[in-house]
N, C-alpha and C. Protein backbone atom coordinates (compact mmCIF):
# COMPACT_ATOMS: atom_id res chain seq x y z
N MET A 1 0.84 -0.98 0.20
CA MET A 1 0.12 0.02 -0.16
C MET A 1 0.67 1.11 0.16
N ARG A 2 0.25 1.93 -0.65
CA ARG A 2 1.35 3.92 -0.39
C ARG A 2 0.06 4.95 -0.21
N SER A 3 0.25 5.59 1.16
CA SER A 3 -0.66 6.38 1.16
C SER A 3 -0.29 7.63 2.26
N SER A 4 0.81 8.87 1.27
CA SER A 4 1.45 9.82 1.98
C SER A 4 1.72 10.79 1.14
N PHE A 5 1.86 11.96 1.36
CA PHE A 5 1.55 13.20 0.58
C PHE A 5 2.89 13.45 0.26
N VAL A 6 3.87 12.85 1.09
CA VAL A 6 4.79 13.43 1.37
C VAL A 6 5.28 12.76 -0.47
N GLY A 7 6.00 13.08 -1.42
CA GLY A 7 7.00 12.62 -2.35
C GLY A 7 5.45 12.28 -3.23
N SER A 8 4.05 12.54 -3.09
CA SER A 8 3.19 12.01 -3.75
C SER A 8 3.23 12.03 -5.28
N ALA A 9 3.63 12.64 -5.75
CA ALA A 9 3.86 13.17 -7.48
C ALA A 9 4.52 12.05 -8.24
N ILE A 10 5.87 10.64 -7.14
CA ILE A 10 6.60 10.27 -7.30
C ILE A 10 6.14 8.69 -7.40
N SER A 11 6.44 8.18 -8.62
CA SER A 11 5.60 6.55 -8.36
C SER A 11 6.25 5.86 -8.06
N ALA A 12 6.07 4.40 -6.93
CA ALA A 12 7.35 3.46 -6.98
C ALA A 12 7.10 1.79 -7.68
N SER A 13 7.94 1.38 -7.78
CA SER A 13 7.40 0.05 -8.44
C SER A 13 7.99 -1.05 -7.59
N ILE A 14 7.03 -1.81 -7.68
CA ILE A 14 7.13 -2.85 -6.26
C ILE A 14 7.50 -4.41 -7.43
N TYR A 15 8.52 -5.18 -6.90
CA TYR A 15 8.69 -6.33 -6.99
C TYR A 15 8.88 -7.33 -5.85
N ASP A 16 9.15 -9.24 -7.10
CA ASP A 16 9.64 -9.80 -5.91
C ASP A 16 10.58 -10.33 -6.08
N VAL A 17 11.36 -10.21 -5.25
CA VAL A 17 13.38 -10.87 -5.89
C VAL A 17 13.50 -12.12 -5.30
N THR A 18 12.61 -12.66 -4.97
CA THR A 18 13.29 -14.08 -4.15
C THR A 18 13.79 -15.07 -4.78
N ASN A 19 13.87 -14.79 -6.25
CA ASN A 19 14.45 -16.32 -6.56
C ASN A 19 16.05 -14.66 -7.50
N GLY A 20 16.11 -13.97 -7.33
CA GLY A 20 17.15 -13.10 -7.54
C GLY A 20 16.80 -11.87 -8.87
N GLU A 21 15.67 -12.67 -9.63
CA GLU A 21 15.24 -11.72 -11.11
C GLU A 21 14.50 -11.26 -10.39
N PRO A 22 14.29 -10.10 -10.93
CA PRO A 22 12.56 -8.94 -10.17
C PRO A 22 11.91 -9.85 -10.81
N GLU A 23 10.51 -10.06 -10.31
CA GLU A 23 9.35 -10.29 -10.87
C GLU A 23 8.48 -8.72 -10.65
N PHE A 24 8.29 -8.31 -11.59
CA PHE A 24 7.17 -7.10 -11.45
C PHE A 24 5.82 -7.30 -11.24
N LEU A 25 5.65 -6.49 -10.11
CA LEU A 25 4.10 -6.64 -9.55
C LEU A 25 3.09 -6.10 -10.32
N GLY A 26 4.34 -4.65 -9.91
CA GLY A 26 2.94 -3.28 -10.63
C GLY A 26 4.25 -2.09 -10.02
N ILE A 27 2.82 -0.66 -10.06
CA ILE A 27 3.54 0.74 -9.75
C ILE A 27 2.92 1.11 -8.95
N LEU A 28 2.92 1.75 -7.93
CA LEU A 28 2.22 2.30 -6.62
C LEU A 28 2.31 3.91 -6.89
N ASN A 29 1.09 4.29 -7.24
CA ASN A 29 1.13 5.82 -6.99
C ASN A 29 -0.02 6.09 -5.58
N ASN A 30 0.45 7.28 -5.57
CA ASN A 30 0.28 8.08 -3.81
C ASN A 30 -1.66 7.31 -3.95
N GLY A 31 -2.10 6.31 -2.56
CA GLY A 31 -3.26 5.95 -2.71
C GLY A 31 -3.85 5.02 -3.08
N THR A 32 -2.79 3.97 -3.88
CA THR A 32 -2.88 2.81 -4.21
C THR A 32 -2.40 1.79 -3.62
N LYS A 33 -2.64 0.41 -3.85
CA LYS A 33 -2.19 -0.17 -3.28
C LYS A 33 -2.30 -1.86 -4.24
N LEU A 34 -1.74 -3.16 -4.21
CA LEU A 34 -1.69 -4.20 -5.00
C LEU A 34 -1.79 -5.73 -4.07
N ALA A 35 -2.21 -6.23 -4.68
CA ALA A 35 -1.87 -7.54 -4.25
C ALA A 35 -1.23 -8.48 -4.84
N HIS A 36 -0.21 -9.40 -4.22
CA HIS A 36 0.13 -10.74 -4.95
C HIS A 36 0.11 -11.98 -4.29
N ALA A 37 -0.30 -12.69 -4.54
CA ALA A 37 -0.63 -14.13 -3.76
C ALA A 37 0.93 -14.69 -3.95
N VAL A 38 1.19 -15.47 -3.01
CA VAL A 38 2.58 -16.53 -3.08
C VAL A 38 2.33 -17.72 -2.05
N ALA A 39 3.36 -18.64 -2.15
CA ALA A 39 3.34 -19.25 -1.74
C ALA A 39 4.38 -18.93 -0.34
N PRO A 40 3.71 -20.58 0.87
CA PRO A 40 4.10 -19.87 2.16
C PRO A 40 5.86 -19.93 1.99
N GLY A 41 6.07 -19.30 3.30
CA GLY A 41 7.53 -19.40 2.97
C GLY A 41 8.61 -18.09 3.24
N GLU A 42 9.57 -17.96 3.06
CA GLU A 42 10.53 -17.10 2.99
C GLU A 42 10.47 -16.09 1.37
N HIS A 43 10.25 -14.68 1.55
CA HIS A 43 10.34 -14.28 0.22
C HIS A 43 11.14 -12.95 0.55
N LEU A 44 11.83 -12.08 -0.65
CA LEU A 44 12.35 -11.07 -0.70
C LEU A 44 11.73 -9.62 -1.67
N PHE A 45 10.89 -8.52 -0.96
CA PHE A 45 10.51 -7.83 -2.19
C PHE A 45 11.57 -6.65 -1.81
N MET A 46 11.12 -6.05 -3.42
CA MET A 46 11.69 -4.79 -3.50
C MET A 46 10.98 -3.49 -3.68
N VAL A 47 11.42 -2.38 -2.89
CA VAL A 47 10.79 -1.47 -4.45
C VAL A 47 11.42 -0.17 -4.75
N VAL A 48 11.60 0.35 -5.63
CA VAL A 48 12.09 1.29 -6.81
C VAL A 48 11.70 2.07 -7.08
N SER A 49 12.63 3.11 -7.05
CA SER A 49 11.99 4.57 -7.68
C SER A 49 13.46 5.18 -7.75
N GLU A 50 14.15 6.40 -7.22
CA GLU A 50 15.82 6.57 -7.24
C GLU A 50 16.53 5.93 -7.33
N ALA A 51 16.29 4.78 -6.06
CA ALA A 51 16.88 3.61 -5.25
C ALA A 51 16.35 2.60 -5.10
N ALA A 52 16.35 1.20 -4.48
CA ALA A 52 15.91 0.59 -3.95
C ALA A 52 16.18 0.19 -2.75
N ASP A 53 15.10 -0.51 -2.70
CA ASP A 53 15.25 -1.10 -0.60
C ASP A 53 14.26 -2.23 -0.69
N PHE A 54 14.56 -2.98 0.18
CA PHE A 54 13.99 -4.45 0.37
C PHE A 54 13.10 -4.57 1.63
N MET A 55 12.49 -5.24 2.07
CA MET A 55 11.35 -6.46 2.58
C MET A 55 11.61 -8.09 2.58
N ALA A 56 11.60 -8.59 3.52
CA ALA A 56 11.45 -9.85 3.68
C ALA A 56 10.89 -10.11 4.27
N ALA A 57 10.03 -11.32 4.07
CA ALA A 57 9.11 -12.11 4.62
C ALA A 57 9.30 -13.82 4.54
N ASP A 58 8.72 -14.06 5.99
CA ASP A 58 8.26 -15.65 6.43
C ASP A 58 7.08 -15.70 6.56
N LEU A 59 6.27 -16.08 5.76
CA LEU A 59 4.69 -16.29 5.79
C LEU A 59 4.58 -17.83 5.73
N ALA A 60 3.03 -17.90 6.28
CA ALA A 60 2.60 -18.43 6.62
C ALA A 60 1.18 -18.77 5.54
N ALA A 61 0.62 -20.46 5.18
CA ALA A 61 -0.64 -20.18 4.12
C ALA A 61 -1.61 -19.92 4.99
N GLY A 62 -2.74 -19.33 4.12
CA GLY A 62 -3.95 -19.24 4.13
C GLY A 62 -3.98 -17.63 4.75
N LYS A 63 -2.75 -16.67 4.90
CA LYS A 63 -3.22 -15.66 5.81
C LYS A 63 -2.81 -14.94 4.24
N THR A 64 -2.99 -13.37 5.09
CA THR A 64 -2.75 -12.14 4.18
C THR A 64 -2.07 -11.20 4.83
N TYR A 65 -1.25 -10.24 4.28
CA TYR A 65 0.02 -9.46 4.68
C TYR A 65 0.25 -8.43 4.16
N TYR A 66 0.14 -7.32 4.79
CA TYR A 66 0.56 -5.98 4.37
C TYR A 66 1.67 -5.58 4.62
N ALA A 67 2.10 -4.58 3.58
CA ALA A 67 3.07 -3.45 3.62
C ALA A 67 3.18 -2.07 2.89
N ILE A 68 3.82 -1.52 3.51
CA ILE A 68 3.92 -0.13 2.99
C ILE A 68 4.25 0.10 2.17
N ALA A 69 4.45 1.42 1.43
CA ALA A 69 5.88 2.29 0.70
C ALA A 69 5.43 3.47 1.46
N THR A 70 6.95 3.99 1.79
CA THR A 70 6.79 5.06 2.57
C THR A 70 8.13 6.18 1.46
N PRO A 71 7.81 7.29 1.41
CA PRO A 71 8.90 8.13 0.45
C PRO A 71 9.67 8.88 1.57
N ARG A 72 11.13 8.55 1.40
CA ARG A 72 12.05 9.39 1.93
C ARG A 72 12.79 10.27 0.97
N MET A 73 13.62 11.47 1.30
CA MET A 73 14.62 12.28 0.67
C MET A 73 15.05 11.25 -0.25
N GLY A 74 15.34 11.91 -1.27
CA GLY A 74 16.56 11.50 -2.42
C GLY A 74 17.73 12.49 -2.83
N ALA A 75 18.11 12.21 -3.67
CA ALA A 75 18.95 13.21 -4.32
C ALA A 75 18.46 13.87 -5.42
N TRP A 76 17.64 13.67 -6.19
CA TRP A 76 16.97 14.07 -7.23
C TRP A 76 15.53 14.14 -6.97
N LYS A 77 14.94 12.80 -6.51
CA LYS A 77 13.57 12.71 -6.40
C LYS A 77 12.99 11.90 -5.39
N ALA A 78 12.48 11.43 -4.77
CA ALA A 78 11.51 10.73 -3.57
C ALA A 78 12.26 9.37 -3.71
N ARG A 79 13.02 9.06 -2.70
CA ARG A 79 12.97 7.11 -2.62
C ARG A 79 12.24 6.51 -1.84
N PHE A 80 12.17 5.39 -1.69
CA PHE A 80 11.33 4.67 -0.90
C PHE A 80 11.51 3.80 -0.30
N SER A 81 11.09 3.10 0.99
CA SER A 81 11.27 1.98 1.93
C SER A 81 9.93 0.99 2.00
N LEU A 82 9.85 0.06 1.64
CA LEU A 82 9.33 -1.04 1.98
C LEU A 82 9.34 -1.61 3.02
N TRP A 83 7.91 -1.23 4.40
CA TRP A 83 8.01 -1.65 5.46
C TRP A 83 6.63 -2.58 5.89
N PRO A 84 7.02 -3.99 6.57
CA PRO A 84 5.96 -4.62 6.80
C PRO A 84 4.70 -3.88 7.74
N ILE A 85 3.73 -4.14 7.49
CA ILE A 85 2.68 -3.68 8.91
C ILE A 85 3.04 -5.45 9.39
N LYS A 86 3.05 -4.69 10.78
CA LYS A 86 3.14 -5.60 11.73
C LYS A 86 2.19 -6.29 12.90
N ALA A 87 1.83 -7.18 13.27
CA ALA A 87 1.00 -7.36 14.32
C ALA A 87 1.00 -6.45 15.25
N ALA A 88 2.63 -6.57 16.29
CA ALA A 88 2.87 -6.02 17.54
C ALA A 88 2.67 -4.51 17.48
N ALA A 89 1.91 -4.01 18.48
CA ALA A 89 1.26 -3.10 18.58
C ALA A 89 2.37 -0.99 18.41
N ASP A 90 3.63 -2.05 18.99
CA ASP A 90 4.90 -1.06 19.15
C ASP A 90 5.91 -1.52 18.06
N ALA A 91 5.43 -1.69 16.85
CA ALA A 91 6.04 -1.80 15.54
C ALA A 91 5.87 -0.43 14.71
N ASP A 92 7.30 -0.31 14.08
CA ASP A 92 7.30 1.04 13.34
C ASP A 92 5.52 1.24 12.68
N PHE A 93 5.12 0.05 12.13
CA PHE A 93 4.06 0.30 11.12
C PHE A 93 3.11 -1.22 11.44
N SER A 94 2.27 -0.76 12.53
CA SER A 94 1.23 -1.78 13.12
C SER A 94 0.13 -2.03 12.77
N SER A 95 -0.36 -3.22 12.52
CA SER A 95 -1.91 -3.55 12.08
C SER A 95 -2.96 -3.54 13.22
N GLN A 96 -2.36 -2.78 14.24
CA GLN A 96 -3.25 -1.82 15.30
C GLN A 96 -3.62 -0.87 15.27
N SER A 97 -2.45 -0.07 14.82
CA SER A 97 -2.72 1.15 14.56
C SER A 97 -3.58 2.25 14.24
N PRO A 98 -4.38 3.35 14.37
CA PRO A 98 -5.35 3.67 13.01
C PRO A 98 -5.40 4.35 11.88
N GLU A 99 -4.00 4.02 12.15
CA GLU A 99 -3.75 4.65 10.28
C GLU A 99 -4.22 3.52 9.24
N PHE A 100 -3.55 1.95 10.22
CA PHE A 100 -3.85 0.83 9.03
C PHE A 100 -5.20 1.12 8.33
N LYS A 101 -6.08 0.94 8.80
CA LYS A 101 -7.32 0.70 8.84
C LYS A 101 -8.06 1.97 7.21
N LYS A 102 -7.17 3.20 8.09
CA LYS A 102 -7.01 4.19 6.90
C LYS A 102 -6.80 3.60 5.35
N TRP A 103 -5.23 3.25 5.98
CA TRP A 103 -4.27 2.56 4.45
C TRP A 103 -5.26 1.61 3.96
N LYS A 104 -5.74 0.83 4.45
CA LYS A 104 -6.57 -0.31 3.91
C LYS A 104 -8.05 0.12 3.10
N THR A 105 -8.52 1.43 3.50
CA THR A 105 -10.00 1.66 2.82
C THR A 105 -10.07 2.49 2.20
N GLU A 106 -8.68 3.44 2.23
CA GLU A 106 -8.56 4.86 1.36
C GLU A 106 -7.49 4.54 0.47
N THR A 107 -7.15 3.23 0.08
CA THR A 107 -6.18 3.20 -0.84
C THR A 107 -7.09 2.07 -2.35
N THR A 108 -6.97 2.63 -3.09
CA THR A 108 -7.31 1.49 -4.30
C THR A 108 -6.07 0.75 -5.23
N LEU A 109 -7.17 -0.64 -5.03
CA LEU A 109 -6.37 -1.62 -5.53
C LEU A 109 -5.87 -1.45 -7.21
N VAL A 110 -4.87 -1.42 -7.37
CA VAL A 110 -4.24 -1.69 -8.34
C VAL A 110 -4.00 -2.65 -9.48
N GLU A 111 -4.14 -3.06 -10.58
CA GLU A 111 -3.69 -4.38 -11.28
C GLU A 111 -2.26 -3.85 -12.40
N LEU A 112 -1.87 -4.95 -12.55
CA LEU A 112 -0.34 -4.94 -13.58
C LEU A 112 -1.01 -4.71 -14.99
N SER A 113 -1.21 -3.05 -15.67
CA SER A 113 -1.39 -2.66 -16.49
C SER A 113 -0.25 -3.11 -17.80
N ALA A 114 -1.12 -3.20 -18.99
CA ALA A 114 -0.52 -2.96 -19.93
C ALA A 114 0.84 -2.11 -19.98
N ALA A 115 0.33 -0.88 -19.52
CA ALA A 115 1.27 0.69 -19.88
C ALA A 115 2.43 0.21 -18.75
N ALA A 116 2.14 -0.43 -17.44
CA ALA A 116 3.17 -0.60 -15.95
C ALA A 116 4.29 -1.46 -17.01
N LYS A 117 3.81 -2.62 -17.37
CA LYS A 117 4.69 -3.63 -18.29
C LYS A 117 5.57 -3.24 -19.42
N ALA A 118 4.55 -2.06 -20.11
CA ALA A 118 5.87 -1.39 -21.03
C ALA A 118 6.50 -0.73 -20.42
N TRP A 119 6.37 -0.27 -19.52
CA TRP A 119 7.17 0.94 -18.51
C TRP A 119 8.63 -0.20 -18.13
N TYR A 120 8.55 -0.94 -17.79
CA TYR A 120 9.20 -2.00 -16.96
C TYR A 120 9.62 -2.63 -17.66
N GLU A 121 9.33 -3.26 -19.35
CA GLU A 121 10.30 -3.14 -20.14
C GLU A 121 11.24 -2.30 -20.50
N ALA A 122 10.95 -1.11 -20.62
CA ALA A 122 11.12 0.18 -21.24
C ALA A 122 13.05 0.32 -19.75
N ASN A 123 12.61 0.02 -18.84
CA ASN A 123 13.43 -0.10 -17.46
C ASN A 123 13.87 -0.81 -16.94
N LYS A 124 13.74 -1.62 -17.32
CA LYS A 124 14.35 -3.26 -16.53
C LYS A 124 15.65 -3.69 -16.24
N ASP A 125 16.60 -2.79 -17.26
CA ASP A 125 18.17 -2.93 -16.68
C ASP A 125 18.61 -1.80 -15.82
N SER A 126 17.56 -0.57 -16.10
CA SER A 126 18.19 0.51 -14.67
C SER A 126 17.45 -0.36 -13.17
N VAL A 127 16.13 -1.16 -13.16
CA VAL A 127 16.16 -1.83 -12.16
C VAL A 127 16.83 -2.58 -11.72
N LYS A 128 17.55 -3.54 -12.42
CA LYS A 128 18.07 -4.79 -11.83
C LYS A 128 19.72 -4.59 -11.55
N GLU A 129 20.06 -3.09 -12.00
CA GLU A 129 21.38 -2.06 -11.54
C GLU A 129 20.95 -1.96 -10.17
N LYS A 130 20.19 -1.22 -10.27
CA LYS A 130 19.98 -0.63 -8.70
C LYS A 130 19.36 -1.58 -7.89
N GLN A 131 18.40 -3.00 -7.90
CA GLN A 131 19.22 -4.27 -6.87
C GLN A 131 20.06 -4.63 -6.48
N GLN A 132 21.16 -4.80 -7.81
CA GLN A 132 22.46 -5.28 -7.49
C GLN A 132 22.78 -4.01 -6.97
N HIS A 133 23.35 -3.03 -6.93
CA HIS A 133 24.09 -2.06 -6.13
C HIS A 133 23.31 -1.84 -4.88
N HIS A 134 22.18 -1.91 -4.44
CA HIS A 134 20.93 -1.61 -3.39
C HIS A 134 21.27 -3.24 -1.99
N MET A 135 21.53 -3.76 -3.24
CA MET A 135 21.13 -5.20 -2.11
C MET A 135 22.87 -5.08 -1.24
N GLN A 136 23.49 -4.68 -1.22
CA GLN A 136 24.69 -5.01 -0.36
C GLN A 136 24.34 -4.14 0.97
N THR A 137 23.39 -2.91 0.61
CA THR A 137 23.41 -2.11 2.12
C THR A 137 22.37 -3.30 2.69
N TRP A 138 21.52 -3.47 2.01
CA TRP A 138 20.32 -4.91 2.69
C TRP A 138 21.47 -6.07 3.53
N GLN A 139 21.99 -6.74 3.20
CA GLN A 139 23.10 -7.72 3.42
C GLN A 139 23.53 -7.24 4.75
N GLU A 140 23.95 -6.10 5.02
CA GLU A 140 24.90 -5.24 5.64
C GLU A 140 23.85 -5.31 6.90
N LYS A 141 22.46 -4.94 7.34
CA LYS A 141 21.79 -4.25 8.22
C LYS A 141 21.94 -5.58 8.97
N THR A 142 22.14 -4.79 10.41
CA THR A 142 22.06 -5.39 11.61
C THR A 142 20.80 -6.54 11.74
N PRO A 143 20.78 -7.56 12.34
CA PRO A 143 19.77 -8.44 12.47
C PRO A 143 18.33 -7.84 12.88
N GLU A 144 18.88 -6.84 14.23
CA GLU A 144 17.68 -6.41 14.88
C GLU A 144 16.90 -5.81 13.44
N ASP A 145 17.36 -4.84 12.93
CA ASP A 145 17.27 -4.21 11.29
C ASP A 145 16.09 -4.68 10.69
N LEU A 146 16.68 -6.13 10.22
CA LEU A 146 16.78 -7.07 9.58
C LEU A 146 15.38 -7.34 10.03
N ALA A 147 14.86 -7.76 11.52
CA ALA A 147 14.14 -8.23 12.15
C ALA A 147 12.50 -7.23 11.70
N ARG A 148 13.09 -5.92 12.22
CA ARG A 148 11.96 -4.80 11.73
C ARG A 148 11.47 -4.79 10.34
N ARG A 149 12.16 -4.95 9.78
CA ARG A 149 11.71 -5.09 8.08
C ARG A 149 11.36 -6.42 7.92
N THR A 150 10.89 -7.45 8.69
CA THR A 150 10.78 -8.68 7.80
C THR A 150 9.23 -8.81 8.50
N LEU A 151 8.67 -9.16 7.53
CA LEU A 151 6.90 -10.01 7.78
C LEU A 151 6.99 -11.19 8.49
N GLU A 152 6.31 -11.72 9.63
CA GLU A 152 6.56 -12.38 9.92
C GLU A 152 5.32 -13.21 9.60
N GLY A 153 5.36 -14.74 10.20
CA GLY A 153 3.79 -15.88 10.00
C GLY A 153 3.07 -14.89 10.79
N ASP A 154 3.01 -14.34 11.80
CA ASP A 154 1.89 -14.43 13.19
C ASP A 154 1.42 -12.73 12.39
N ASP A 155 2.01 -12.18 11.84
CA ASP A 155 1.97 -10.62 10.81
C ASP A 155 0.19 -10.75 10.30
N GLY A 156 0.60 -11.95 9.60
CA GLY A 156 -1.08 -12.34 8.79
C GLY A 156 -2.14 -12.10 9.50
N PHE A 157 -3.60 -11.81 8.75
CA PHE A 157 -4.40 -12.24 9.02
C PHE A 157 -5.45 -13.48 8.26
């Protein structure tokens, strides 16, 4: 999901990079969300704009999980982080927060359009370069930071 006035003019593209290659899931504009069905187990997702950022997931069968793409300042335009929406009330982003209900109800589901697919085909080399460049930063995160950035089985509904 994406819901923030900050950087609202900038789009973020979302990928499943579990198998190393980016699987393009869609483009998030402000006020939108997308859905992606996956098998249970470990996954790695990526958000790309000016840079790339990642979120891990260890998912259980039969549950629905949520994440939020949040803007942050970049050198030339907004960058994005991808955050798990966790069950714990004290998490950075929690399903118990008042904002969560708003994000769920006030964002519009988008599908992978022909225009989005064409955009990805034209930009996939840049996406892969950003993935490779920023993966090192992800791999250097502390265990504590990785835990904050991982969806766990109990976070689902």
